[in-house]
C-alpha atoms as a PDB file:
ATOM      1  CA  UNK A   1      29.782 -18.439   6.790  1.00  0.00           C
ATOM      2  CA  UNK A   2      26.497 -16.700   6.025  1.00  0.00           C
ATOM      3  CA  UNK A   3      25.641 -15.249   2.659  1.00  0.00           C
ATOM      4  CA  UNK A   4      22.658 -12.927   2.628  1.00  0.00           C
ATOM      5  CA  UNK A   5      21.404 -12.204  -0.896  1.00  0.00           C
ATOM      6  CA  UNK A   6      18.069 -11.510  -2.531  1.00  0.00           C
ATOM      7  CA  UNK A   7      16.010  -9.232  -4.712  1.00  0.00           C
ATOM      8  CA  UNK A   8      14.634  -6.017  -3.232  1.00  0.00           C
ATOM      9  CA  UNK A   9      12.561  -3.159  -4.656  1.00  0.00           C
ATOM     10  CA  UNK A  10      13.913   0.381  -4.802  1.00  0.00           C
ATOM     11  CA  UNK A  11      11.689   3.389  -5.515  1.00  0.00           C
ATOM     12  CA  UNK A  12      13.153   6.123  -7.732  1.00  0.00           C
ATOM     13  CA  UNK A  13      11.683   9.563  -8.406  1.00  0.00           C
ATOM     14  CA  UNK A  14      12.142  10.310 -12.119  1.00  0.00           C
ATOM     15  CA  UNK A  15      11.443  14.058 -12.053  1.00  0.00           C
ATOM     16  CA  UNK A  16      11.450  16.929  -9.574  1.00  0.00           C
ATOM     17  CA  UNK A  17       8.522  18.803 -11.145  1.00  0.00           C
ATOM     18  CA  UNK A  18       5.312  18.117  -9.153  1.00  0.00           C
ATOM     19  CA  UNK A  19       2.101  17.342 -11.042  1.00  0.00           C
ATOM     20  CA  UNK A  20      -1.540  17.522  -9.975  1.00  0.00           C
ATOM     21  CA  UNK A  21      -2.689  14.347  -8.233  1.00  0.00           C
ATOM     22  CA  UNK A  22      -5.806  12.867  -9.919  1.00  0.00           C
ATOM     23  CA  UNK A  23      -7.095  11.598  -6.554  1.00  0.00           C
ATOM     24  CA  UNK A  24      -6.709  14.549  -4.158  1.00  0.00           C
ATOM     25  CA  UNK A  25      -6.040  17.450  -6.557  1.00  0.00           C
ATOM     26  CA  UNK A  26      -2.875  18.699  -4.832  1.00  0.00           C
ATOM     27  CA  UNK A  27       0.311  19.407  -6.794  1.00  0.00           C
ATOM     28  CA  UNK A  28       2.306  16.782  -4.901  1.00  0.00           C
ATOM     29  CA  UNK A  29       2.427  13.919  -7.421  1.00  0.00           C
ATOM     30  CA  UNK A  30       5.777  12.941  -8.920  1.00  0.00           C
ATOM     31  CA  UNK A  31       6.642  10.501 -11.705  1.00  0.00           C
ATOM     32  CA  UNK A  32       8.080   7.476  -9.913  1.00  0.00           C
ATOM     33  CA  UNK A  33       9.361   4.029 -10.855  1.00  0.00           C
ATOM     34  CA  UNK A  34       9.990   0.895  -8.765  1.00  0.00           C
ATOM     35  CA  UNK A  35      13.067  -1.062  -9.874  1.00  0.00           C
ATOM     36  CA  UNK A  36      14.115  -4.446  -8.473  1.00  0.00           C
ATOM     37  CA  UNK A  37      17.774  -4.977  -7.587  1.00  0.00           C
ATOM     38  CA  UNK A  38      19.845  -8.030  -6.758  1.00  0.00           C
ATOM     39  CA  UNK A  39      21.328  -7.270  -3.351  1.00  0.00           C
ATOM     40  CA  UNK A  40      24.170  -8.741  -1.361  1.00  0.00           C
ATOM     41  CA  UNK A  41      24.143  -8.059   2.386  1.00  0.00           C
ATOM     42  CA  UNK A  42      21.268  -5.577   1.834  1.00  0.00           C
ATOM     43  CA  UNK A  43      23.305  -3.488  -0.632  1.00  0.00           C
ATOM     44  CA  UNK A  44      21.637  -3.170  -4.067  1.00  0.00           C
ATOM     45  CA  UNK A  45      24.136  -4.201  -6.741  1.00  0.00           C
ATOM     46  CA  UNK A  46      22.501  -5.088 -10.078  1.00  0.00           C
ATOM     47  CA  UNK A  47      19.123  -3.986 -11.451  1.00  0.00           C
ATOM     48  CA  UNK A  48      17.268  -7.116 -12.552  1.00  0.00           C
ATOM     49  CA  UNK A  49      13.904  -5.540 -13.458  1.00  0.00           C
ATOM     50  CA  UNK A  50      12.963  -2.009 -14.465  1.00  0.00           C
ATOM     51  CA  UNK A  51       9.458  -0.957 -13.487  1.00  0.00           C
ATOM     52  CA  UNK A  52       6.899   1.131 -15.365  1.00  0.00           C
ATOM     53  CA  UNK A  53       6.620   4.852 -14.525  1.00  0.00           C
ATOM     54  CA  UNK A  54       3.553   5.995 -12.571  1.00  0.00           C
ATOM     55  CA  UNK A  55       2.396   9.012 -10.583  1.00  0.00           C
ATOM     56  CA  UNK A  56       2.814   8.799  -6.794  1.00  0.00           C
ATOM     57  CA  UNK A  57       1.249  11.495  -4.626  1.00  0.00           C
ATOM     58  CA  UNK A  58       3.188  12.376  -1.485  1.00  0.00           C
ATOM     59  CA  UNK A  59       0.082  13.907   0.093  1.00  0.00           C
ATOM     60  CA  UNK A  60      -2.507  11.116  -0.162  1.00  0.00           C
ATOM     61  CA  UNK A  61      -0.126   8.264  -1.175  1.00  0.00           C
ATOM     62  CA  UNK A  62      -2.396   7.620  -4.174  1.00  0.00           C
ATOM     63  CA  UNK A  63      -1.047   6.223  -7.421  1.00  0.00           C
ATOM     64  CA  UNK A  64      -2.047   6.663 -11.034  1.00  0.00           C
ATOM     65  CA  UNK A  65      -0.646   5.387 -14.290  1.00  0.00           C
ATOM     66  CA  UNK A  66       1.819   7.902 -15.715  1.00  0.00           C
ATOM     67  CA  UNK A  67       0.436   7.422 -19.241  1.00  0.00           C
ATOM     68  CA  UNK A  68      -3.069   8.632 -18.430  1.00  0.00           C
ATOM     69  CA  UNK A  69      -5.045  10.085 -21.312  1.00  0.00           C
ATOM     70  CA  UNK A  70      -5.428  13.868 -21.541  1.00  0.00           C
ATOM     71  CA  UNK A  71      -8.605  15.430 -20.169  1.00  0.00           C
ATOM     72  CA  UNK A  72     -10.054  16.312 -23.568  1.00  0.00           C
ATOM     73  CA  UNK A  73      -9.555  12.891 -25.165  1.00  0.00           C
ATOM     74  CA  UNK A  74     -12.638  10.850 -26.022  1.00  0.00           C
ATOM     75  CA  UNK A  75     -12.872   7.100 -25.398  1.00  0.00           C
ATOM     76  CA  UNK A  76     -11.355   5.016 -28.190  1.00  0.00           C
ATOM     77  CA  UNK A  77     -13.912   2.215 -28.243  1.00  0.00           C
ATOM     78  CA  UNK A  78     -17.522   1.624 -27.313  1.00  0.00           C
ATOM     79  CA  UNK A  79     -16.453  -0.315 -24.193  1.00  0.00           C
ATOM     80  CA  UNK A  80     -14.905   2.791 -22.571  1.00  0.00           C
ATOM     81  CA  UNK A  81     -16.402   5.797 -20.854  1.00  0.00           C
ATOM     82  CA  UNK A  82     -15.164   9.144 -19.512  1.00  0.00           C
ATOM     83  CA  UNK A  83     -15.533  10.083 -15.840  1.00  0.00           C
ATOM     84  CA  UNK A  84     -17.561  13.263 -15.320  1.00  0.00           C
ATOM     85  CA  UNK A  85     -15.440  14.314 -12.306  1.00  0.00           C
ATOM     86  CA  UNK A  86     -11.796  13.700 -13.321  1.00  0.00           C
ATOM     87  CA  UNK A  87     -12.208  13.162 -17.116  1.00  0.00           C
ATOM     88  CA  UNK A  88     -10.288   9.843 -17.039  1.00  0.00           C
ATOM     89  CA  UNK A  89     -11.052   7.134 -19.595  1.00  0.00           C
ATOM     90  CA  UNK A  90     -11.962   3.746 -18.105  1.00  0.00           C
ATOM     91  CA  UNK A  91     -13.887   0.548 -18.885  1.00  0.00           C
ATOM     92  CA  UNK A  92     -17.676   0.921 -19.033  1.00  0.00           C
ATOM     93  CA  UNK A  93     -18.180  -2.227 -16.901  1.00  0.00           C
ATOM     94  CA  UNK A  94     -16.918  -0.396 -13.768  1.00  0.00           C
ATOM     95  CA  UNK A  95     -19.596   1.089 -11.512  1.00  0.00           C
ATOM     96  CA  UNK A  96     -17.124   3.600 -10.025  1.00  0.00           C
ATOM     97  CA  UNK A  97     -14.205   5.478 -11.581  1.00  0.00           C
ATOM     98  CA  UNK A  98     -10.931   3.700 -10.617  1.00  0.00           C
ATOM     99  CA  UNK A  99      -9.089   7.060 -10.568  1.00  0.00           C
ATOM    100  CA  UNK A 100     -11.302   9.246  -8.345  1.00  0.00           C
ATOM    101  CA  UNK A 101     -14.119   7.015  -7.026  1.00  0.00           C
ATOM    102  CA  UNK A 102     -16.984   8.934  -8.665  1.00  0.00           C
ATOM    103  CA  UNK A 103     -20.043   6.794  -9.488  1.00  0.00           C
ATOM    104  CA  UNK A 104     -20.242   6.210 -13.234  1.00  0.00           C
END
């Protein structure tokens, strides 16, 4: 007798209201979460780990953290900087913005 069991990821869309994608600028980004389920014969039964929400763009397949700072917010410490293109806050040690790719 064979018993096929394991843990598999399952992607869930948390809202149906599209948001603007920080990478491509289209309104095709949705708040998404990846949960891991214990499965038996490829049927998910029990959620064993709940993932963190993030933005997933259906157009460019880009991802961004769902808890991104608002555009007008200043950096909190001296080790952070604000991107001139997308207004995201990131670490000053990066040469390029991790959200849009603009040179810092």
